[in-house]
Amino acid sequence: MEQFQHISPQDTKARLDKNEIKVLDIRDDQSFESGHIPNSFHLSNGNITQFMNENDFDTPVVVCCYHGISSQQAAQYLIHQGFKEVYSMDGGFEVWRTSFAFTTTS
């Protein structure tokens, strides 16, 4: 069985800057609206089917939550759905926000 991988916020940013990954933010609507990783997709139960229909399963994805806990379950779910390269971002958005405070909105 395939497993998701872990990725640091720094590696996420480096790969995002090269347009190599897609970031999926699974936090609630209000948290996403108040700040998120640039160009991230706000993934929810309401739009996950649409996301899967519109994206290539070969595209590497990084799942981001508040602290890097919930994203692990979501990342494993995406692996089970057939995505090939899935990461859970360690530390979540809180670590991203403190590391890259100047880049938290799109």
PDB file of N, CA and C in Angstrom:
ATOM      1  N   MET A   1       0.853  -1.198   0.000  1.00  0.00           N
ATOM      2  CA  MET A   1       0.000   0.000   0.000  1.00  0.00           C
ATOM      3  C   MET A   1       0.890   1.250   0.000  1.00  0.00           C
ATOM      4  N   GLU A   2       0.539   2.155  -0.855  1.00  0.00           N
ATOM      5  CA  GLU A   2       1.271   3.426  -0.928  1.00  0.00           C
ATOM      6  C   GLU A   2       1.055   4.229   0.351  1.00  0.00           C
ATOM      7  N   GLN A   3       2.033   5.039   0.682  1.00  0.00           N
ATOM      8  CA  GLN A   3       1.964   5.920   1.849  1.00  0.00           C
ATOM      9  C   GLN A   3       2.232   7.362   1.420  1.00  0.00           C
ATOM     10  N   PHE A   4       1.603   8.290   2.118  1.00  0.00           N
ATOM     11  CA  PHE A   4       1.938   9.688   1.913  1.00  0.00           C
ATOM     12  C   PHE A   4       3.320   9.934   2.503  1.00  0.00           C
ATOM     13  N   GLN A   5       3.924  11.056   2.144  1.00  0.00           N
ATOM     14  CA  GLN A   5       5.237  11.431   2.652  1.00  0.00           C
ATOM     15  C   GLN A   5       5.110  12.732   3.445  1.00  0.00           C
ATOM     16  N   HIS A   6       6.124  13.026   4.226  1.00  0.00           N
ATOM     17  CA  HIS A   6       6.166  14.281   4.971  1.00  0.00           C
ATOM     18  C   HIS A   6       7.039  15.269   4.203  1.00  0.00           C
ATOM     19  N   ILE A   7       6.699  16.559   4.333  1.00  0.00           N
ATOM     20  CA  ILE A   7       7.491  17.607   3.691  1.00  0.00           C
ATOM     21  C   ILE A   7       7.531  18.821   4.623  1.00  0.00           C
ATOM     22  N   SER A   8       8.652  19.493   4.652  1.00  0.00           N
ATOM     23  CA  SER A   8       8.777  20.677   5.501  1.00  0.00           C
ATOM     24  C   SER A   8       8.163  21.888   4.803  1.00  0.00           C
ATOM     25  N   PRO A   9       7.781  22.917   5.557  1.00  0.00           N
ATOM     26  CA  PRO A   9       7.302  24.148   4.927  1.00  0.00           C
ATOM     27  C   PRO A   9       8.354  24.748   3.983  1.00  0.00           C
ATOM     28  N   GLN A  10       9.626  24.631   4.337  1.00  0.00           N
ATOM     29  CA  GLN A  10      10.691  25.181   3.487  1.00  0.00           C
ATOM     30  C   GLN A  10      10.763  24.450   2.144  1.00  0.00           C
ATOM     31  N   ASP A  11      10.675  23.111   2.185  1.00  0.00           N
ATOM     32  CA  ASP A  11      10.687  22.347   0.936  1.00  0.00           C
ATOM     33  C   ASP A  11       9.410  22.584   0.132  1.00  0.00           C
ATOM     34  N   THR A  12       8.297  22.755   0.849  1.00  0.00           N
ATOM     35  CA  THR A  12       7.039  23.080   0.162  1.00  0.00           C
ATOM     36  C   THR A  12       7.189  24.382  -0.604  1.00  0.00           C
ATOM     37  N   LYS A  13       7.734  25.409   0.054  1.00  0.00           N
ATOM     38  CA  LYS A  13       7.898  26.709  -0.595  1.00  0.00           C
ATOM     39  C   LYS A  13       8.838  26.601  -1.794  1.00  0.00           C
ATOM     40  N   ALA A  14       9.932  25.872  -1.643  1.00  0.00           N
ATOM     41  CA  ALA A  14      10.896  25.729  -2.748  1.00  0.00           C
ATOM     42  C   ALA A  14      10.242  25.057  -3.949  1.00  0.00           C
ATOM     43  N   ARG A  15       9.457  24.023  -3.708  1.00  0.00           N
ATOM     44  CA  ARG A  15       8.795  23.314  -4.816  1.00  0.00           C
ATOM     45  C   ARG A  15       7.646  24.130  -5.390  1.00  0.00           C
ATOM     46  N   LEU A  16       6.966  24.896  -4.531  1.00  0.00           N
ATOM     47  CA  LEU A  16       5.881  25.762  -4.990  1.00  0.00           C
ATOM     48  C   LEU A  16       6.434  26.876  -5.868  1.00  0.00           C
ATOM     49  N   ASP A  17       7.572  27.432  -5.465  1.00  0.00           N
ATOM     50  CA  ASP A  17       8.205  28.494  -6.262  1.00  0.00           C
ATOM     51  C   ASP A  17       8.597  28.004  -7.651  1.00  0.00           C
ATOM     52  N   LYS A  18       8.863  26.710  -7.788  1.00  0.00           N
ATOM     53  CA  LYS A  18       9.210  26.118  -9.091  1.00  0.00           C
ATOM     54  C   LYS A  18       7.984  25.565  -9.802  1.00  0.00           C
ATOM     55  N   ASN A  19       6.804  25.758  -9.195  1.00  0.00           N
ATOM     56  CA  ASN A  19       5.549  25.290  -9.762  1.00  0.00           C
ATOM     57  C   ASN A  19       5.530  23.765  -9.944  1.00  0.00           C
ATOM     58  N   GLU A  20       6.139  23.044  -8.992  1.00  0.00           N
ATOM     59  CA  GLU A  20       6.226  21.585  -9.081  1.00  0.00           C
ATOM     60  C   GLU A  20       5.109  20.868  -8.330  1.00  0.00           C
ATOM     61  N   ILE A  21       4.396  21.592  -7.472  1.00  0.00           N
ATOM     62  CA  ILE A  21       3.382  20.971  -6.615  1.00  0.00           C
ATOM     63  C   ILE A  21       2.117  21.811  -6.580  1.00  0.00           C
ATOM     64  N   LYS A  22       1.054  21.186  -6.082  1.00  0.00           N
ATOM     65  CA  LYS A  22      -0.199  21.884  -5.805  1.00  0.00           C
ATOM     66  C   LYS A  22      -0.445  21.753  -4.305  1.00  0.00           C
ATOM     67  N   VAL A  23      -0.710  22.883  -3.635  1.00  0.00           N
ATOM     68  CA  VAL A  23      -0.969  22.863  -2.198  1.00  0.00           C
ATOM     69  C   VAL A  23      -2.479  22.854  -1.963  1.00  0.00           C
ATOM     70  N   LEU A  24      -2.910  21.916  -1.115  1.00  0.00           N
ATOM     71  CA  LEU A  24      -4.313  21.784  -0.740  1.00  0.00           C
ATOM     72  C   LEU A  24      -4.452  22.170   0.720  1.00  0.00           C
ATOM     73  N   ASP A  25      -5.261  23.171   1.007  1.00  0.00           N
ATOM     74  CA  ASP A  25      -5.471  23.662   2.370  1.00  0.00           C
ATOM     75  C   ASP A  25      -6.810  23.130   2.860  1.00  0.00           C
ATOM     76  N   ILE A  26      -6.788  22.361   3.942  1.00  0.00           N
ATOM     77  CA  ILE A  26      -8.023  21.742   4.439  1.00  0.00           C
ATOM     78  C   ILE A  26      -8.581  22.432   5.686  1.00  0.00           C
ATOM     79  N   ARG A  27      -8.066  23.615   6.018  1.00  0.00           N
ATOM     80  CA  ARG A  27      -8.584  24.347   7.176  1.00  0.00           C
ATOM     81  C   ARG A  27      -9.980  24.889   6.869  1.00  0.00           C
ATOM     82  N   ASP A  28     -10.662  25.379   7.894  1.00  0.00           N
ATOM     83  CA  ASP A  28     -12.021  25.905   7.718  1.00  0.00           C
ATOM     84  C   ASP A  28     -12.013  27.181   6.867  1.00  0.00           C
ATOM     85  N   ASP A  29     -13.188  27.544   6.375  1.00  0.00           N
ATOM     86  CA  ASP A  29     -13.341  28.689   5.460  1.00  0.00           C
ATOM     87  C   ASP A  29     -12.772  29.981   6.035  1.00  0.00           C
ATOM     88  N   GLN A  30     -13.107  30.272   7.294  1.00  0.00           N
ATOM     89  CA  GLN A  30     -12.682  31.530   7.908  1.00  0.00           C
ATOM     90  C   GLN A  30     -11.158  31.590   8.019  1.00  0.00           C
ATOM     91  N   SER A  31     -10.532  30.498   8.423  1.00  0.00           N
ATOM     92  CA  SER A  31      -9.078  30.471   8.544  1.00  0.00           C
ATOM     93  C   SER A  31      -8.415  30.649   7.180  1.00  0.00           C
ATOM     94  N   PHE A  32      -8.965  29.985   6.169  1.00  0.00           N
ATOM     95  CA  PHE A  32      -8.412  30.103   4.815  1.00  0.00           C
ATOM     96  C   PHE A  32      -8.524  31.540   4.319  1.00  0.00           C
ATOM     97  N   GLU A  33      -9.684  32.153   4.562  1.00  0.00           N
ATOM     98  CA  GLU A  33      -9.896  33.534   4.118  1.00  0.00           C
ATOM     99  C   GLU A  33      -8.966  34.520   4.811  1.00  0.00           C
ATOM    100  N   SER A  34      -8.616  34.253   6.059  1.00  0.00           N
ATOM    101  CA  SER A  34      -7.780  35.200   6.792  1.00  0.00           C
ATOM    102  C   SER A  34      -6.304  35.067   6.442  1.00  0.00           C
ATOM    103  N   GLY A  35      -5.929  34.013   5.744  1.00  0.00           N
ATOM    104  CA  GLY A  35      -4.557  33.853   5.293  1.00  0.00           C
ATOM    105  C   GLY A  35      -4.287  32.434   4.846  1.00  0.00           C
ATOM    106  N   HIS A  36      -3.583  32.309   3.725  1.00  0.00           N
ATOM    107  CA  HIS A  36      -3.244  30.984   3.211  1.00  0.00           C
ATOM    108  C   HIS A  36      -2.003  31.053   2.331  1.00  0.00           C
ATOM    109  N   ILE A  37      -1.475  29.895   2.021  1.00  0.00           N
ATOM    110  CA  ILE A  37      -0.309  29.806   1.150  1.00  0.00           C
ATOM    111  C   ILE A  37      -0.712  30.275  -0.244  1.00  0.00           C
ATOM    112  N   PRO A  38       0.100  31.121  -0.877  1.00  0.00           N
ATOM    113  CA  PRO A  38      -0.249  31.620  -2.212  1.00  0.00           C
ATOM    114  C   PRO A  38      -0.555  30.480  -3.187  1.00  0.00           C
ATOM    115  N   ASN A  39      -1.605  30.664  -3.957  1.00  0.00           N
ATOM    116  CA  ASN A  39      -2.042  29.718  -4.989  1.00  0.00           C
ATOM    117  C   ASN A  39      -2.507  28.375  -4.437  1.00  0.00           C
ATOM    118  N   SER A  40      -2.755  28.297  -3.132  1.00  0.00           N
ATOM    119  CA  SER A  40      -3.253  27.030  -2.589  1.00  0.00           C
ATOM    120  C   SER A  40      -4.734  26.887  -2.925  1.00  0.00           C
ATOM    121  N   PHE A  41      -5.185  25.637  -2.974  1.00  0.00           N
ATOM    122  CA  PHE A  41      -6.573  25.305  -3.259  1.00  0.00           C
ATOM    123  C   PHE A  41      -7.247  24.957  -1.946  1.00  0.00           C
ATOM    124  N   HIS A  42      -8.387  25.596  -1.658  1.00  0.00           N
ATOM    125  CA  HIS A  42      -9.107  25.322  -0.421  1.00  0.00           C
ATOM    126  C   HIS A  42      -9.939  24.060  -0.611  1.00  0.00           C
ATOM    127  N   LEU A  43      -9.437  22.939  -0.110  1.00  0.00           N
ATOM    128  CA  LEU A  43     -10.088  21.645  -0.288  1.00  0.00           C
ATOM    129  C   LEU A  43     -11.042  21.371   0.873  1.00  0.00           C
ATOM    130  N   SER A  44     -12.258  20.950   0.532  1.00  0.00           N
ATOM    131  CA  SER A  44     -13.251  20.611   1.548  1.00  0.00           C
ATOM    132  C   SER A  44     -14.025  19.379   1.101  1.00  0.00           C
ATOM    133  N   ASN A  45     -14.836  18.833   1.993  1.00  0.00           N
ATOM    134  CA  ASN A  45     -15.679  17.696   1.611  1.00  0.00           C
ATOM    135  C   ASN A  45     -16.600  18.062   0.462  1.00  0.00           C
ATOM    136  N   GLY A  46     -16.964  19.354   0.393  1.00  0.00           N
ATOM    137  CA  GLY A  46     -17.882  19.800  -0.650  1.00  0.00           C
ATOM    138  C   GLY A  46     -17.272  19.894  -2.040  1.00  0.00           C
ATOM    139  N   ASN A  47     -15.946  20.013  -2.140  1.00  0.00           N
ATOM    140  CA  ASN A  47     -15.347  20.172  -3.469  1.00  0.00           C
ATOM    141  C   ASN A  47     -14.278  19.124  -3.805  1.00  0.00           C
ATOM    142  N   ILE A  48     -14.133  18.104  -2.967  1.00  0.00           N
ATOM    143  CA  ILE A  48     -13.075  17.126  -3.226  1.00  0.00           C
ATOM    144  C   ILE A  48     -13.323  16.333  -4.508  1.00  0.00           C
ATOM    145  N   THR A  49     -14.576  16.005  -4.796  1.00  0.00           N
ATOM    146  CA  THR A  49     -14.877  15.277  -6.034  1.00  0.00           C
ATOM    147  C   THR A  49     -14.528  16.132  -7.240  1.00  0.00           C
ATOM    148  N   GLN A  50     -14.882  17.408  -7.196  1.00  0.00           N
ATOM    149  CA  GLN A  50     -14.542  18.332  -8.274  1.00  0.00           C
ATOM    150  C   GLN A  50     -13.028  18.421  -8.436  1.00  0.00           C
ATOM    151  N   PHE A  51     -12.305  18.531  -7.324  1.00  0.00           N
ATOM    152  CA  PHE A  51     -10.850  18.602  -7.385  1.00  0.00           C
ATOM    153  C   PHE A  51     -10.275  17.361  -8.063  1.00  0.00           C
ATOM    154  N   MET A  52     -10.772  16.189  -7.676  1.00  0.00           N
ATOM    155  CA  MET A  52     -10.245  14.950  -8.252  1.00  0.00           C
ATOM    156  C   MET A  52     -10.581  14.844  -9.744  1.00  0.00           C
ATOM    157  N   ASN A  53     -11.740  15.348 -10.134  1.00  0.00           N
ATOM    158  CA  ASN A  53     -12.124  15.314 -11.549  1.00  0.00           C
ATOM    159  C   ASN A  53     -11.303  16.270 -12.404  1.00  0.00           C
ATOM    160  N   GLU A  54     -10.805  17.362 -11.800  1.00  0.00           N
ATOM    161  CA  GLU A  54     -10.143  18.414 -12.573  1.00  0.00           C
ATOM    162  C   GLU A  54      -8.622  18.382 -12.494  1.00  0.00           C
ATOM    163  N   ASN A  55      -8.049  17.459 -11.714  1.00  0.00           N
ATOM    164  CA  ASN A  55      -6.602  17.439 -11.549  1.00  0.00           C
ATOM    165  C   ASN A  55      -6.004  16.086 -11.902  1.00  0.00           C
ATOM    166  N   ASP A  56      -4.801  16.137 -12.435  1.00  0.00           N
ATOM    167  CA  ASP A  56      -4.068  14.950 -12.816  1.00  0.00           C
ATOM    168  C   ASP A  56      -3.570  14.237 -11.562  1.00  0.00           C
ATOM    169  N   PHE A  57      -3.808  12.952 -11.474  1.00  0.00           N
ATOM    170  CA  PHE A  57      -3.403  12.178 -10.307  1.00  0.00           C
ATOM    171  C   PHE A  57      -1.885  12.030 -10.223  1.00  0.00           C
ATOM    172  N   ASP A  58      -1.176  12.410 -11.279  1.00  0.00           N
ATOM    173  CA  ASP A  58       0.285  12.387 -11.267  1.00  0.00           C
ATOM    174  C   ASP A  58       0.887  13.684 -10.719  1.00  0.00           C
ATOM    175  N   THR A  59       0.050  14.715 -10.549  1.00  0.00           N
ATOM    176  CA  THR A  59       0.540  15.984 -10.005  1.00  0.00           C
ATOM    177  C   THR A  59       0.840  15.817  -8.518  1.00  0.00           C
ATOM    178  N   PRO A  60       2.053  16.151  -8.075  1.00  0.00           N
ATOM    179  CA  PRO A  60       2.356  16.070  -6.639  1.00  0.00           C
ATOM    180  C   PRO A  60       1.511  17.075  -5.855  1.00  0.00           C
ATOM    181  N   VAL A  61       0.917  16.615  -4.752  1.00  0.00           N
ATOM    182  CA  VAL A  61       0.102  17.495  -3.919  1.00  0.00           C
ATOM    183  C   VAL A  61       0.622  17.500  -2.482  1.00  0.00           C
ATOM    184  N   VAL A  62       0.518  18.676  -1.857  1.00  0.00           N
ATOM    185  CA  VAL A  62       0.892  18.851  -0.454  1.00  0.00           C
ATOM    186  C   VAL A  62      -0.362  19.265   0.295  1.00  0.00           C
ATOM    187  N   VAL A  63      -0.714  18.504   1.329  1.00  0.00           N
ATOM    188  CA  VAL A  63      -1.889  18.828   2.137  1.00  0.00           C
ATOM    189  C   VAL A  63      -1.431  19.627   3.359  1.00  0.00           C
ATOM    190  N   CYS A  64      -2.139  20.729   3.596  1.00  0.00           N
ATOM    191  CA  CYS A  64      -1.806  21.643   4.689  1.00  0.00           C
ATOM    192  C   CYS A  64      -3.032  21.809   5.583  1.00  0.00           C
ATOM    193  N   CYS A  65      -2.807  21.709   6.904  1.00  0.00           N
ATOM    194  CA  CYS A  65      -3.872  21.980   7.871  1.00  0.00           C
ATOM    195  C   CYS A  65      -3.326  22.999   8.876  1.00  0.00           C
ATOM    196  N   TYR A  66      -3.833  23.002  10.090  1.00  0.00           N
ATOM    197  CA  TYR A  66      -3.373  23.962  11.094  1.00  0.00           C
ATOM    198  C   TYR A  66      -1.968  23.646  11.603  1.00  0.00           C
ATOM    199  N   HIS A  67      -1.771  22.395  12.058  1.00  0.00           N
ATOM    200  CA  HIS A  67      -0.511  22.031  12.725  1.00  0.00           C
ATOM    201  C   HIS A  67       0.159  20.793  12.143  1.00  0.00           C
ATOM    202  N   GLY A  68      -0.351  20.268  11.034  1.00  0.00           N
ATOM    203  CA  GLY A  68       0.269  19.108  10.409  1.00  0.00           C
ATOM    204  C   GLY A  68      -0.229  17.767  10.917  1.00  0.00           C
ATOM    205  N   ILE A  69      -1.363  17.756  11.609  1.00  0.00           N
ATOM    206  CA  ILE A  69      -1.929  16.505  12.122  1.00  0.00           C
ATOM    207  C   ILE A  69      -3.054  16.007  11.211  1.00  0.00           C
ATOM    208  N   SER A  70      -4.095  16.817  11.040  1.00  0.00           N
ATOM    209  CA  SER A  70      -5.231  16.428  10.194  1.00  0.00           C
ATOM    210  C   SER A  70      -4.810  16.179   8.754  1.00  0.00           C
ATOM    211  N   SER A  71      -3.794  16.897   8.311  1.00  0.00           N
ATOM    212  CA  SER A  71      -3.345  16.753   6.927  1.00  0.00           C
ATOM    213  C   SER A  71      -2.826  15.345   6.641  1.00  0.00           C
ATOM    214  N   GLN A  72      -2.360  14.636   7.674  1.00  0.00           N
ATOM    215  CA  GLN A  72      -1.855  13.275   7.461  1.00  0.00           C
ATOM    216  C   GLN A  72      -2.980  12.333   7.032  1.00  0.00           C
ATOM    217  N   GLN A  73      -4.130  12.443   7.680  1.00  0.00           N
ATOM    218  CA  GLN A  73      -5.275  11.606   7.301  1.00  0.00           C
ATOM    219  C   GLN A  73      -5.769  11.973   5.907  1.00  0.00           C
ATOM    220  N   ALA A  74      -5.831  13.260   5.619  1.00  0.00           N
ATOM    221  CA  ALA A  74      -6.279  13.707   4.299  1.00  0.00           C
ATOM    222  C   ALA A  74      -5.305  13.254   3.216  1.00  0.00           C
ATOM    223  N   ALA A  75      -4.012  13.318   3.508  1.00  0.00           N
ATOM    224  CA  ALA A  75      -3.002  12.880   2.544  1.00  0.00           C
ATOM    225  C   ALA A  75      -3.150  11.387   2.260  1.00  0.00           C
ATOM    226  N   GLN A  76      -3.363  10.601   3.301  1.00  0.00           N
ATOM    227  CA  GLN A  76      -3.533   9.156   3.098  1.00  0.00           C
ATOM    228  C   GLN A  76      -4.795   8.871   2.298  1.00  0.00           C
ATOM    229  N   TYR A  77      -5.854   9.647   2.543  1.00  0.00           N
ATOM    230  CA  TYR A  77      -7.096   9.498   1.767  1.00  0.00           C
ATOM    231  C   TYR A  77      -6.824   9.728   0.283  1.00  0.00           C
ATOM    232  N   LEU A  78      -6.058  10.779  -0.033  1.00  0.00           N
ATOM    233  CA  LEU A  78      -5.761  11.075  -1.442  1.00  0.00           C
ATOM    234  C   LEU A  78      -4.923   9.967  -2.081  1.00  0.00           C
ATOM    235  N   ILE A  79      -4.021   9.364  -1.312  1.00  0.00           N
ATOM    236  CA  ILE A  79      -3.270   8.206  -1.806  1.00  0.00           C
ATOM    237  C   ILE A  79      -4.243   7.081  -2.161  1.00  0.00           C
ATOM    238  N   HIS A  80      -5.198   6.818  -1.282  1.00  0.00           N
ATOM    239  CA  HIS A  80      -6.193   5.759  -1.535  1.00  0.00           C
ATOM    240  C   HIS A  80      -7.054   6.063  -2.748  1.00  0.00           C
ATOM    241  N   GLN A  81      -7.238   7.351  -3.063  1.00  0.00           N
ATOM    242  CA  GLN A  81      -8.029   7.736  -4.236  1.00  0.00           C
ATOM    243  C   GLN A  81      -7.239   7.593  -5.530  1.00  0.00           C
ATOM    244  N   GLY A  82      -5.920   7.405  -5.417  1.00  0.00           N
ATOM    245  CA  GLY A  82      -5.123   7.182  -6.612  1.00  0.00           C
ATOM    246  C   GLY A  82      -4.068   8.227  -6.915  1.00  0.00           C
ATOM    247  N   PHE A  83      -3.975   9.282  -6.076  1.00  0.00           N
ATOM    248  CA  PHE A  83      -2.905  10.254  -6.295  1.00  0.00           C
ATOM    249  C   PHE A  83      -1.570   9.575  -6.022  1.00  0.00           C
ATOM    250  N   LYS A  84      -0.580   9.845  -6.866  1.00  0.00           N
ATOM    251  CA  LYS A  84       0.695   9.124  -6.811  1.00  0.00           C
ATOM    252  C   LYS A  84       1.685   9.693  -5.800  1.00  0.00           C
ATOM    253  N   GLU A  85       1.757  11.037  -5.706  1.00  0.00           N
ATOM    254  CA  GLU A  85       2.766  11.685  -4.855  1.00  0.00           C
ATOM    255  C   GLU A  85       2.062  12.689  -3.950  1.00  0.00           C
ATOM    256  N   VAL A  86       1.876  12.301  -2.687  1.00  0.00           N
ATOM    257  CA  VAL A  86       1.115  13.119  -1.744  1.00  0.00           C
ATOM    258  C   VAL A  86       1.955  13.343  -0.488  1.00  0.00           C
ATOM    259  N   TYR A  87       1.957  14.590  -0.044  1.00  0.00           N
ATOM    260  CA  TYR A  87       2.720  14.986   1.143  1.00  0.00           C
ATOM    261  C   TYR A  87       1.801  15.607   2.177  1.00  0.00           C
ATOM    262  N   SER A  88       2.168  15.448   3.442  1.00  0.00           N
ATOM    263  CA  SER A  88       1.566  16.188   4.542  1.00  0.00           C
ATOM    264  C   SER A  88       2.625  17.174   4.999  1.00  0.00           C
ATOM    265  N   MET A  89       2.254  18.470   5.048  1.00  0.00           N
ATOM    266  CA  MET A  89       3.236  19.482   5.423  1.00  0.00           C
ATOM    267  C   MET A  89       3.404  19.526   6.941  1.00  0.00           C
ATOM    268  N   ASP A  90       4.602  19.208   7.396  1.00  0.00           N
ATOM    269  CA  ASP A  90       4.910  19.190   8.823  1.00  0.00           C
ATOM    270  C   ASP A  90       4.742  20.577   9.437  1.00  0.00           C
ATOM    271  N   GLY A  91       4.068  20.629  10.587  1.00  0.00           N
ATOM    272  CA  GLY A  91       3.870  21.895  11.287  1.00  0.00           C
ATOM    273  C   GLY A  91       2.683  22.685  10.800  1.00  0.00           C
ATOM    274  N   GLY A  92       2.160  22.345   9.625  1.00  0.00           N
ATOM    275  CA  GLY A  92       0.970  22.991   9.093  1.00  0.00           C
ATOM    276  C   GLY A  92       1.130  24.472   8.801  1.00  0.00           C
ATOM    277  N   PHE A  93      -0.011  25.128   8.645  1.00  0.00           N
ATOM    278  CA  PHE A  93      -0.007  26.540   8.272  1.00  0.00           C
ATOM    279  C   PHE A  93       0.625  27.412   9.347  1.00  0.00           C
ATOM    280  N   GLU A  94       0.536  27.002  10.613  1.00  0.00           N
ATOM    281  CA  GLU A  94       1.108  27.821  11.684  1.00  0.00           C
ATOM    282  C   GLU A  94       2.617  27.965  11.518  1.00  0.00           C
ATOM    283  N   VAL A  95       3.299  26.891  11.142  1.00  0.00           N
ATOM    284  CA  VAL A  95       4.741  26.979  10.908  1.00  0.00           C
ATOM    285  C   VAL A  95       5.011  27.782   9.635  1.00  0.00           C
ATOM    286  N   TRP A  96       4.194  27.565   8.595  1.00  0.00           N
ATOM    287  CA  TRP A  96       4.353  28.350   7.359  1.00  0.00           C
ATOM    288  C   TRP A  96       4.228  29.839   7.686  1.00  0.00           C
ATOM    289  N   ARG A  97       3.178  30.187   8.433  1.00  0.00           N
ATOM    290  CA  ARG A  97       2.893  31.593   8.741  1.00  0.00           C
ATOM    291  C   ARG A  97       4.060  32.236   9.487  1.00  0.00           C
ATOM    292  N   THR A  98       4.647  31.524  10.441  1.00  0.00           N
ATOM    293  CA  THR A  98       5.749  32.108  11.192  1.00  0.00           C
ATOM    294  C   THR A  98       7.046  32.113  10.378  1.00  0.00           C
ATOM    295  N   SER A  99       7.188  31.184   9.437  1.00  0.00           N
ATOM    296  CA  SER A  99       8.395  31.129   8.604  1.00  0.00           C
ATOM    297  C   SER A  99       8.349  32.113   7.439  1.00  0.00           C
ATOM    298  N   PHE A 100       7.150  32.277   6.872  1.00  0.00           N
ATOM    299  CA  PHE A 100       6.999  33.086   5.653  1.00  0.00           C
ATOM    300  C   PHE A 100       5.844  34.065   5.832  1.00  0.00           C
ATOM    301  N   ALA A 101       5.863  34.838   6.892  1.00  0.00           N
ATOM    302  CA  ALA A 101       4.749  35.711   7.244  1.00  0.00           C
ATOM    303  C   ALA A 101       4.366  36.666   6.129  1.00  0.00           C
ATOM    304  N   PHE A 102       5.315  37.013   5.287  1.00  0.00           N
ATOM    305  CA  PHE A 102       5.051  37.985   4.235  1.00  0.00           C
ATOM    306  C   PHE A 102       4.365  37.370   3.025  1.00  0.00           C
ATOM    307  N   THR A 103       4.129  36.062   3.011  1.00  0.00           N
ATOM    308  CA  THR A 103       3.531  35.401   1.838  1.00  0.00           C
ATOM    309  C   THR A 103       2.301  34.592   2.200  1.00  0.00           C
ATOM    310  N   THR A 104       1.442  35.120   3.061  1.00  0.00           N
ATOM    311  CA  THR A 104       0.322  34.290   3.540  1.00  0.00           C
ATOM    312  C   THR A 104      -0.990  34.553   2.837  1.00  0.00           C
ATOM    313  N   THR A 105      -1.047  35.418   1.872  1.00  0.00           N
ATOM    314  CA  THR A 105      -2.280  35.600   1.133  1.00  0.00           C
ATOM    315  C   THR A 105      -1.987  35.525  -0.358  1.00  0.00           C
ATOM    316  N   SER A 106      -3.032  35.317  -1.122  1.00  0.00           N
ATOM    317  CA  SER A 106      -2.811  35.184  -2.564  1.00  0.00           C
ATOM    318  C   SER A 106      -3.024  36.502  -3.274  1.00  0.00           C
TER     319      SER A 106
END
